């Protein structure tokens, strides 16, 4: 049985509070979901999101300057950097 994806408006709102792209530092971000491991019309877990600018988002999703593996690596890095920013700013906490 396939697990239901994790959904959280609070999580997405926290990521949306990061105002600079975690990859390039540009102002104005989009909350971008990881593009791997999803089905047709189905997004991955909300916890696999990154705060990235529209240009970085486009390059990761559709860019022709990077290989598929490079795009995935860049998104994975963006997710890790987003988690780092969320914890440093106190926007997420571990449940007791």
PDB file of N, CA and C in Angstrom:
ATOM      1  N   UNK A   1       0.836  -1.187   0.000  1.00  0.00           N
ATOM      2  CA  UNK A   1       0.000   0.000   0.000  1.00  0.00           C
ATOM      3  C   UNK A   1       0.881   1.251   0.000  1.00  0.00           C
ATOM      4  N   UNK A   2       0.581   2.144  -0.904  1.00  0.00           N
ATOM      5  CA  UNK A   2       1.362   3.369  -1.046  1.00  0.00           C
ATOM      6  C   UNK A   2       0.967   4.390   0.021  1.00  0.00           C
ATOM      7  N   UNK A   3       1.972   4.995   0.629  1.00  0.00           N
ATOM      8  CA  UNK A   3       1.723   5.988   1.675  1.00  0.00           C
ATOM      9  C   UNK A   3       1.164   7.272   1.066  1.00  0.00           C
ATOM     10  N   UNK A   4       0.247   7.884   1.784  1.00  0.00           N
ATOM     11  CA  UNK A   4      -0.340   9.148   1.368  1.00  0.00           C
ATOM     12  C   UNK A   4       0.704  10.249   1.553  1.00  0.00           C
ATOM     13  N   UNK A   5       0.837  11.158   0.598  1.00  0.00           N
ATOM     14  CA  UNK A   5       1.829  12.233   0.727  1.00  0.00           C
ATOM     15  C   UNK A   5       1.550  13.129   1.929  1.00  0.00           C
ATOM     16  N   UNK A   6       2.610  13.603   2.566  1.00  0.00           N
ATOM     17  CA  UNK A   6       2.513  14.526   3.693  1.00  0.00           C
ATOM     18  C   UNK A   6       2.085  15.890   3.158  1.00  0.00           C
ATOM     19  N   UNK A   7       1.023  16.433   3.729  1.00  0.00           N
ATOM     20  CA  UNK A   7       0.525  17.753   3.344  1.00  0.00           C
ATOM     21  C   UNK A   7       0.450  18.634   4.582  1.00  0.00           C
ATOM     22  N   UNK A   8       0.942  19.863   4.451  1.00  0.00           N
ATOM     23  CA  UNK A   8       0.907  20.789   5.579  1.00  0.00           C
ATOM     24  C   UNK A   8       0.931  22.232   5.075  1.00  0.00           C
ATOM     25  N   UNK A   9      -0.166  22.925   5.282  1.00  0.00           N
ATOM     26  CA  UNK A   9      -0.207  24.349   4.918  1.00  0.00           C
ATOM     27  C   UNK A   9       0.770  25.145   5.778  1.00  0.00           C
ATOM     28  N   UNK A  10       0.925  24.720   7.035  1.00  0.00           N
ATOM     29  CA  UNK A  10       1.868  25.398   7.932  1.00  0.00           C
ATOM     30  C   UNK A  10       3.289  25.276   7.405  1.00  0.00           C
ATOM     31  N   UNK A  11       3.642  24.086   6.927  1.00  0.00           N
ATOM     32  CA  UNK A  11       4.994  23.877   6.386  1.00  0.00           C
ATOM     33  C   UNK A  11       5.224  24.787   5.175  1.00  0.00           C
ATOM     34  N   UNK A  12       4.268  24.767   4.252  1.00  0.00           N
ATOM     35  CA  UNK A  12       4.405  25.583   3.041  1.00  0.00           C
ATOM     36  C   UNK A  12       4.459  27.067   3.389  1.00  0.00           C
ATOM     37  N   UNK A  13       3.680  27.484   4.384  1.00  0.00           N
ATOM     38  CA  UNK A  13       3.704  28.883   4.811  1.00  0.00           C
ATOM     39  C   UNK A  13       5.061  29.246   5.412  1.00  0.00           C
ATOM     40  N   UNK A  14       5.648  28.339   6.179  1.00  0.00           N
ATOM     41  CA  UNK A  14       6.968  28.587   6.766  1.00  0.00           C
ATOM     42  C   UNK A  14       8.017  28.742   5.671  1.00  0.00           C
ATOM     43  N   UNK A  15       7.997  27.851   4.687  1.00  0.00           N
ATOM     44  CA  UNK A  15       8.949  27.955   3.571  1.00  0.00           C
ATOM     45  C   UNK A  15       8.729  29.280   2.836  1.00  0.00           C
ATOM     46  N   UNK A  16       7.479  29.660   2.664  1.00  0.00           N
ATOM     47  CA  UNK A  16       7.156  30.907   1.977  1.00  0.00           C
ATOM     48  C   UNK A  16       7.627  32.154   2.705  1.00  0.00           C
ATOM     49  N   UNK A  17       7.937  32.034   3.999  1.00  0.00           N
ATOM     50  CA  UNK A  17       8.440  33.178   4.758  1.00  0.00           C
ATOM     51  C   UNK A  17       9.905  33.476   4.446  1.00  0.00           C
ATOM     52  N   UNK A  18      10.596  32.544   3.825  1.00  0.00           N
ATOM     53  CA  UNK A  18      11.989  32.797   3.429  1.00  0.00           C
ATOM     54  C   UNK A  18      11.930  33.687   2.192  1.00  0.00           C
ATOM     55  N   UNK A  19      12.458  34.876   2.283  1.00  0.00           N
ATOM     56  CA  UNK A  19      12.274  35.839   1.206  1.00  0.00           C
ATOM     57  C   UNK A  19      13.382  35.849   0.166  1.00  0.00           C
ATOM     58  N   UNK A  20      14.453  35.112   0.409  1.00  0.00           N
ATOM     59  CA  UNK A  20      15.551  35.053  -0.560  1.00  0.00           C
ATOM     60  C   UNK A  20      15.773  33.620  -1.025  1.00  0.00           C
ATOM     61  N   UNK A  21      16.113  33.485  -2.285  1.00  0.00           N
ATOM     62  CA  UNK A  21      16.417  32.172  -2.859  1.00  0.00           C
ATOM     63  C   UNK A  21      17.594  31.553  -2.110  1.00  0.00           C
ATOM     64  N   UNK A  22      17.432  30.308  -1.684  1.00  0.00           N
ATOM     65  CA  UNK A  22      18.506  29.642  -0.940  1.00  0.00           C
ATOM     66  C   UNK A  22      19.671  29.267  -1.851  1.00  0.00           C
ATOM     67  N   UNK A  23      19.473  29.307  -3.160  1.00  0.00           N
ATOM     68  CA  UNK A  23      20.552  28.956  -4.091  1.00  0.00           C
ATOM     69  C   UNK A  23      21.342  30.169  -4.566  1.00  0.00           C
ATOM     70  N   UNK A  24      20.643  31.226  -4.975  1.00  0.00           N
ATOM     71  CA  UNK A  24      21.359  32.362  -5.570  1.00  0.00           C
ATOM     72  C   UNK A  24      21.227  33.659  -4.781  1.00  0.00           C
ATOM     73  N   UNK A  25      20.338  33.679  -3.786  1.00  0.00           N
ATOM     74  CA  UNK A  25      20.178  34.873  -2.959  1.00  0.00           C
ATOM     75  C   UNK A  25      19.233  35.922  -3.522  1.00  0.00           C
ATOM     76  N   UNK A  26      18.628  35.665  -4.682  1.00  0.00           N
ATOM     77  CA  UNK A  26      17.696  36.632  -5.266  1.00  0.00           C
ATOM     78  C   UNK A  26      16.482  36.812  -4.363  1.00  0.00           C
ATOM     79  N   UNK A  27      15.938  38.016  -4.359  1.00  0.00           N
ATOM     80  CA  UNK A  27      14.741  38.314  -3.568  1.00  0.00           C
ATOM     81  C   UNK A  27      13.517  37.818  -4.313  1.00  0.00           C
ATOM     82  N   UNK A  28      12.537  37.335  -3.559  1.00  0.00           N
ATOM     83  CA  UNK A  28      11.289  36.848  -4.145  1.00  0.00           C
ATOM     84  C   UNK A  28      11.406  35.372  -4.471  1.00  0.00           C
ATOM     85  N   UNK A  29      10.711  34.538  -3.704  1.00  0.00           N
ATOM     86  CA  UNK A  29      10.854  33.096  -3.881  1.00  0.00           C
ATOM     87  C   UNK A  29       9.526  32.433  -4.239  1.00  0.00           C
ATOM     88  N   UNK A  30       9.639  31.222  -4.704  1.00  0.00           N
ATOM     89  CA  UNK A  30       8.514  30.323  -4.902  1.00  0.00           C
ATOM     90  C   UNK A  30       8.781  29.093  -4.044  1.00  0.00           C
ATOM     91  N   UNK A  31       7.714  28.496  -3.538  1.00  0.00           N
ATOM     92  CA  UNK A  31       7.854  27.254  -2.791  1.00  0.00           C
ATOM     93  C   UNK A  31       7.788  26.132  -3.828  1.00  0.00           C
ATOM     94  N   UNK A  32       8.920  25.503  -4.076  1.00  0.00           N
ATOM     95  CA  UNK A  32       9.040  24.510  -5.148  1.00  0.00           C
ATOM     96  C   UNK A  32       9.139  23.098  -4.588  1.00  0.00           C
ATOM     97  N   UNK A  33       8.306  22.205  -5.112  1.00  0.00           N
ATOM     98  CA  UNK A  33       8.343  20.790  -4.729  1.00  0.00           C
ATOM     99  C   UNK A  33       9.395  20.047  -5.558  1.00  0.00           C
ATOM    100  N   UNK A  34       9.956  19.032  -4.979  1.00  0.00           N
ATOM    101  CA  UNK A  34      10.893  18.137  -5.672  1.00  0.00           C
ATOM    102  C   UNK A  34      10.136  17.417  -6.785  1.00  0.00           C
ATOM    103  N   UNK A  35      10.773  17.192  -7.904  1.00  0.00           N
ATOM    104  CA  UNK A  35      10.114  16.613  -9.073  1.00  0.00           C
ATOM    105  C   UNK A  35      10.325  15.119  -9.252  1.00  0.00           C
ATOM    106  N   UNK A  36      10.913  14.469  -8.307  1.00  0.00           N
ATOM    107  CA  UNK A  36      11.201  13.043  -8.455  1.00  0.00           C
ATOM    108  C   UNK A  36      10.323  12.241  -7.504  1.00  0.00           C
ATOM    109  N   UNK A  37       9.893  11.068  -7.942  1.00  0.00           N
ATOM    110  CA  UNK A  37       9.146  10.170  -7.079  1.00  0.00           C
ATOM    111  C   UNK A  37       7.687  10.523  -6.920  1.00  0.00           C
ATOM    112  N   UNK A  38       7.129  11.171  -7.924  1.00  0.00           N
ATOM    113  CA  UNK A  38       5.719  11.526  -7.862  1.00  0.00           C
ATOM    114  C   UNK A  38       4.987  10.886  -9.037  1.00  0.00           C
ATOM    115  N   UNK A  39       3.687  10.790  -8.898  1.00  0.00           N
ATOM    116  CA  UNK A  39       2.865  10.246  -9.965  1.00  0.00           C
ATOM    117  C   UNK A  39       2.238  11.358 -10.788  1.00  0.00           C
ATOM    118  N   UNK A  40       1.463  10.983 -11.764  1.00  0.00           N
ATOM    119  CA  UNK A  40       0.782  11.947 -12.622  1.00  0.00           C
ATOM    120  C   UNK A  40      -0.086  12.886 -11.789  1.00  0.00           C
ATOM    121  N   UNK A  41       0.177  14.178 -11.893  1.00  0.00           N
ATOM    122  CA  UNK A  41      -0.610  15.172 -11.189  1.00  0.00           C
ATOM    123  C   UNK A  41      -0.445  15.152  -9.683  1.00  0.00           C
ATOM    124  N   UNK A  42       0.521  14.414  -9.180  1.00  0.00           N
ATOM    125  CA  UNK A  42       0.710  14.264  -7.743  1.00  0.00           C
ATOM    126  C   UNK A  42       2.041  14.892  -7.331  1.00  0.00           C
ATOM    127  N   UNK A  43       2.001  15.788  -6.371  1.00  0.00           N
ATOM    128  CA  UNK A  43       3.214  16.387  -5.833  1.00  0.00           C
ATOM    129  C   UNK A  43       3.803  15.466  -4.763  1.00  0.00           C
ATOM    130  N   UNK A  44       5.113  15.576  -4.554  1.00  0.00           N
ATOM    131  CA  UNK A  44       5.759  14.841  -3.466  1.00  0.00           C
ATOM    132  C   UNK A  44       5.356  15.480  -2.139  1.00  0.00           C
ATOM    133  N   UNK A  45       5.818  14.920  -1.047  1.00  0.00           N
ATOM    134  CA  UNK A  45       5.528  15.467   0.278  1.00  0.00           C
ATOM    135  C   UNK A  45       5.857  16.956   0.348  1.00  0.00           C
ATOM    136  N   UNK A  46       5.039  17.698   1.083  1.00  0.00           N
ATOM    137  CA  UNK A  46       5.293  19.124   1.251  1.00  0.00           C
ATOM    138  C   UNK A  46       6.623  19.388   1.952  1.00  0.00           C
ATOM    139  N   UNK A  47       7.112  18.428   2.722  1.00  0.00           N
ATOM    140  CA  UNK A  47       8.401  18.608   3.401  1.00  0.00           C
ATOM    141  C   UNK A  47       9.575  18.597   2.426  1.00  0.00           C
ATOM    142  N   UNK A  48       9.351  18.162   1.200  1.00  0.00           N
ATOM    143  CA  UNK A  48      10.402  18.155   0.173  1.00  0.00           C
ATOM    144  C   UNK A  48      10.236  19.372  -0.737  1.00  0.00           C
ATOM    145  N   UNK A  49      10.247  20.545  -0.111  1.00  0.00           N
ATOM    146  CA  UNK A  49      10.102  21.801  -0.843  1.00  0.00           C
ATOM    147  C   UNK A  49      11.302  22.693  -0.565  1.00  0.00           C
ATOM    148  N   UNK A  50      11.507  23.640  -1.472  1.00  0.00           N
ATOM    149  CA  UNK A  50      12.620  24.572  -1.337  1.00  0.00           C
ATOM    150  C   UNK A  50      12.155  25.987  -1.638  1.00  0.00           C
ATOM    151  N   UNK A  51      12.801  26.946  -1.002  1.00  0.00           N
ATOM    152  CA  UNK A  51      12.550  28.366  -1.237  1.00  0.00           C
ATOM    153  C   UNK A  51      13.526  28.833  -2.317  1.00  0.00           C
ATOM    154  N   UNK A  52      13.050  28.859  -3.559  1.00  0.00           N
ATOM    155  CA  UNK A  52      13.917  29.247  -4.674  1.00  0.00           C
ATOM    156  C   UNK A  52      13.226  30.297  -5.544  1.00  0.00           C
ATOM    157  N   UNK A  53      14.036  31.106  -6.205  1.00  0.00           N
ATOM    158  CA  UNK A  53      13.510  32.165  -7.067  1.00  0.00           C
ATOM    159  C   UNK A  53      12.947  31.556  -8.353  1.00  0.00           C
ATOM    160  N   UNK A  54      12.129  32.312  -9.074  1.00  0.00           N
ATOM    161  CA  UNK A  54      11.567  31.790 -10.324  1.00  0.00           C
ATOM    162  C   UNK A  54      12.626  31.328 -11.333  1.00  0.00           C
ATOM    163  N   UNK A  55      13.759  32.027 -11.412  1.00  0.00           N
ATOM    164  CA  UNK A  55      14.799  31.629 -12.363  1.00  0.00           C
ATOM    165  C   UNK A  55      15.418  30.276 -11.995  1.00  0.00           C
ATOM    166  N   UNK A  56      15.756  30.097 -10.716  1.00  0.00           N
ATOM    167  CA  UNK A  56      16.322  28.814 -10.280  1.00  0.00           C
ATOM    168  C   UNK A  56      15.274  27.703 -10.413  1.00  0.00           C
ATOM    169  N   UNK A  57      14.026  28.020 -10.104  1.00  0.00           N
ATOM    170  CA  UNK A  57      12.945  27.038 -10.230  1.00  0.00           C
ATOM    171  C   UNK A  57      12.816  26.568 -11.680  1.00  0.00           C
ATOM    172  N   UNK A  58      12.830  27.523 -12.601  1.00  0.00           N
ATOM    173  CA  UNK A  58      12.735  27.173 -14.025  1.00  0.00           C
ATOM    174  C   UNK A  58      13.934  26.328 -14.472  1.00  0.00           C
ATOM    175  N   UNK A  59      15.110  26.713 -14.045  1.00  0.00           N
ATOM    176  CA  UNK A  59      16.322  25.980 -14.440  1.00  0.00           C
ATOM    177  C   UNK A  59      16.281  24.545 -13.916  1.00  0.00           C
ATOM    178  N   UNK A  60      15.794  24.356 -12.696  1.00  0.00           N
ATOM    179  CA  UNK A  60      15.715  23.011 -12.128  1.00  0.00           C
ATOM    180  C   UNK A  60      14.643  22.185 -12.826  1.00  0.00           C
ATOM    181  N   UNK A  61      13.495  22.792 -13.102  1.00  0.00           N
ATOM    182  CA  UNK A  61      12.390  22.053 -13.720  1.00  0.00           C
ATOM    183  C   UNK A  61      12.556  21.861 -15.223  1.00  0.00           C
ATOM    184  N   UNK A  62      13.064  22.870 -15.914  1.00  0.00           N
ATOM    185  CA  UNK A  62      13.052  22.843 -17.378  1.00  0.00           C
ATOM    186  C   UNK A  62      14.376  23.185 -18.041  1.00  0.00           C
ATOM    187  N   UNK A  63      15.375  23.502 -17.246  1.00  0.00           N
ATOM    188  CA  UNK A  63      16.635  23.983 -17.810  1.00  0.00           C
ATOM    189  C   UNK A  63      17.336  22.977 -18.699  1.00  0.00           C
ATOM    190  N   UNK A  64      17.890  23.484 -19.777  1.00  0.00           N
ATOM    191  CA  UNK A  64      18.603  22.629 -20.729  1.00  0.00           C
ATOM    192  C   UNK A  64      20.117  22.733 -20.568  1.00  0.00           C
ATOM    193  N   UNK A  65      20.547  23.571 -19.610  1.00  0.00           N
ATOM    194  CA  UNK A  65      21.986  23.739 -19.373  1.00  0.00           C
ATOM    195  C   UNK A  65      22.525  22.711 -18.388  1.00  0.00           C
ATOM    196  N   UNK A  66      21.617  22.005 -17.727  1.00  0.00           N
ATOM    197  CA  UNK A  66      22.010  21.012 -16.732  1.00  0.00           C
ATOM    198  C   UNK A  66      21.451  19.655 -17.109  1.00  0.00           C
ATOM    199  N   UNK A  67      22.173  18.616 -16.738  1.00  0.00           N
ATOM    200  CA  UNK A  67      21.657  17.263 -16.939  1.00  0.00           C
ATOM    201  C   UNK A  67      20.557  16.997 -15.916  1.00  0.00           C
ATOM    202  N   UNK A  68      19.801  15.934 -16.112  1.00  0.00           N
ATOM    203  CA  UNK A  68      18.757  15.560 -15.156  1.00  0.00           C
ATOM    204  C   UNK A  68      19.365  15.356 -13.766  1.00  0.00           C
ATOM    205  N   UNK A  69      20.494  14.680 -13.722  1.00  0.00           N
ATOM    206  CA  UNK A  69      21.158  14.421 -12.437  1.00  0.00           C
ATOM    207  C   UNK A  69      21.594  15.735 -11.775  1.00  0.00           C
ATOM    208  N   UNK A  70      22.126  16.661 -12.555  1.00  0.00           N
ATOM    209  CA  UNK A  70      22.542  17.953 -12.006  1.00  0.00           C
ATOM    210  C   UNK A  70      21.341  18.742 -11.482  1.00  0.00           C
ATOM    211  N   UNK A  71      20.227  18.697 -12.204  1.00  0.00           N
ATOM    212  CA  UNK A  71      19.011  19.384 -11.747  1.00  0.00           C
ATOM    213  C   UNK A  71      18.523  18.776 -10.437  1.00  0.00           C
ATOM    214  N   UNK A  72      18.549  17.451 -10.322  1.00  0.00           N
ATOM    215  CA  UNK A  72      18.128  16.788  -9.079  1.00  0.00           C
ATOM    216  C   UNK A  72      19.062  17.131  -7.928  1.00  0.00           C
ATOM    217  N   UNK A  73      20.356  17.150  -8.201  1.00  0.00           N
ATOM    218  CA  UNK A  73      21.326  17.511  -7.165  1.00  0.00           C
ATOM    219  C   UNK A  73      21.110  18.951  -6.690  1.00  0.00           C
ATOM    220  N   UNK A  74      20.836  19.846  -7.617  1.00  0.00           N
ATOM    221  CA  UNK A  74      20.602  21.246  -7.259  1.00  0.00           C
ATOM    222  C   UNK A  74      19.336  21.389  -6.403  1.00  0.00           C
ATOM    223  N   UNK A  75      18.285  20.646  -6.754  1.00  0.00           N
ATOM    224  CA  UNK A  75      17.058  20.702  -5.958  1.00  0.00           C
ATOM    225  C   UNK A  75      17.280  20.102  -4.581  1.00  0.00           C
ATOM    226  N   UNK A  76      17.994  18.997  -4.514  1.00  0.00           N
ATOM    227  CA  UNK A  76      18.291  18.397  -3.205  1.00  0.00           C
ATOM    228  C   UNK A  76      19.061  19.384  -2.328  1.00  0.00           C
ATOM    229  N   UNK A  77      20.021  20.082  -2.915  1.00  0.00           N
ATOM    230  CA  UNK A  77      20.786  21.087  -2.163  1.00  0.00           C
ATOM    231  C   UNK A  77      19.855  22.204  -1.699  1.00  0.00           C
ATOM    232  N   UNK A  78      18.952  22.632  -2.547  1.00  0.00           N
ATOM    233  CA  UNK A  78      18.012  23.699  -2.189  1.00  0.00           C
ATOM    234  C   UNK A  78      17.115  23.267  -1.032  1.00  0.00           C
ATOM    235  N   UNK A  79      16.688  22.010  -1.023  1.00  0.00           N
ATOM    236  CA  UNK A  79      15.849  21.505   0.068  1.00  0.00           C
ATOM    237  C   UNK A  79      16.633  21.521   1.381  1.00  0.00           C
ATOM    238  N   UNK A  80      17.866  21.067   1.348  1.00  0.00           N
ATOM    239  CA  UNK A  80      18.700  21.064   2.557  1.00  0.00           C
ATOM    240  C   UNK A  80      18.927  22.492   3.049  1.00  0.00           C
ATOM    241  N   UNK A  81      19.238  23.408   2.158  1.00  0.00           N
ATOM    242  CA  UNK A  81      19.455  24.801   2.553  1.00  0.00           C
ATOM    243  C   UNK A  81      18.170  25.432   3.093  1.00  0.00           C
ATOM    244  N   UNK A  82      17.029  25.045   2.544  1.00  0.00           N
ATOM    245  CA  UNK A  82      15.744  25.537   3.048  1.00  0.00           C
ATOM    246  C   UNK A  82      15.515  25.030   4.467  1.00  0.00           C
ATOM    247  N   UNK A  83      15.767  23.746   4.705  1.00  0.00           N
ATOM    248  CA  UNK A  83      15.631  23.193   6.057  1.00  0.00           C
ATOM    249  C   UNK A  83      16.536  23.937   7.038  1.00  0.00           C
ATOM    250  N   UNK A  84      17.747  24.232   6.608  1.00  0.00           N
ATOM    251  CA  UNK A  84      18.692  24.952   7.456  1.00  0.00           C
ATOM    252  C   UNK A  84      18.147  26.336   7.818  1.00  0.00           C
ATOM    253  N   UNK A  85      17.626  27.055   6.829  1.00  0.00           N
ATOM    254  CA  UNK A  85      17.081  28.384   7.088  1.00  0.00           C
ATOM    255  C   UNK A  85      15.846  28.327   7.990  1.00  0.00           C
ATOM    256  N   UNK A  86      14.981  27.333   7.752  1.00  0.00           N
ATOM    257  CA  UNK A  86      13.779  27.187   8.586  1.00  0.00           C
ATOM    258  C   UNK A  86      14.141  26.959  10.046  1.00  0.00           C
ATOM    259  N   UNK A  87      15.127  26.120  10.297  1.00  0.00           N
ATOM    260  CA  UNK A  87      15.506  25.836  11.685  1.00  0.00           C
ATOM    261  C   UNK A  87      16.260  27.014  12.302  1.00  0.00           C
ATOM    262  N   UNK A  88      17.143  27.635  11.560  1.00  0.00           N
ATOM    263  CA  UNK A  88      17.903  28.774  12.095  1.00  0.00           C
ATOM    264  C   UNK A  88      16.997  29.936  12.465  1.00  0.00           C
ATOM    265  N   UNK A  89      15.940  30.122  11.707  1.00  0.00           N
ATOM    266  CA  UNK A  89      15.008  31.229  11.969  1.00  0.00           C
ATOM    267  C   UNK A  89      13.899  30.856  12.948  1.00  0.00           C
ATOM    268  N   UNK A  90      13.908  29.625  13.400  1.00  0.00           N
ATOM    269  CA  UNK A  90      12.886  29.190  14.344  1.00  0.00           C
ATOM    270  C   UNK A  90      11.511  29.042  13.733  1.00  0.00           C
ATOM    271  N   UNK A  91      11.449  28.809  12.424  1.00  0.00           N
ATOM    272  CA  UNK A  91      10.164  28.684  11.744  1.00  0.00           C
ATOM    273  C   UNK A  91       9.584  27.291  11.831  1.00  0.00           C
ATOM    274  N   UNK A  92      10.418  26.302  12.206  1.00  0.00           N
ATOM    275  CA  UNK A  92       9.924  24.943  12.463  1.00  0.00           C
ATOM    276  C   UNK A  92      10.532  24.459  13.762  1.00  0.00           C
ATOM    277  N   UNK A  93       9.799  23.621  14.438  1.00  0.00           N
ATOM    278  CA  UNK A  93      10.269  23.060  15.704  1.00  0.00           C
ATOM    279  C   UNK A  93       9.990  21.571  15.720  1.00  0.00           C
ATOM    280  N   UNK A  94      10.760  20.868  16.509  1.00  0.00           N
ATOM    281  CA  UNK A  94      10.543  19.441  16.695  1.00  0.00           C
ATOM    282  C   UNK A  94       9.394  19.264  17.674  1.00  0.00           C
ATOM    283  N   UNK A  95       8.460  18.390  17.339  1.00  0.00           N
ATOM    284  CA  UNK A  95       7.330  18.135  18.238  1.00  0.00           C
ATOM    285  C   UNK A  95       7.826  17.415  19.491  1.00  0.00           C
ATOM    286  N   UNK A  96       7.251  17.778  20.596  1.00  0.00           N
ATOM    287  CA  UNK A  96       7.653  17.176  21.875  1.00  0.00           C
ATOM    288  C   UNK A  96       7.093  15.778  22.019  1.00  0.00           C
TER     289      UNK A  96
END
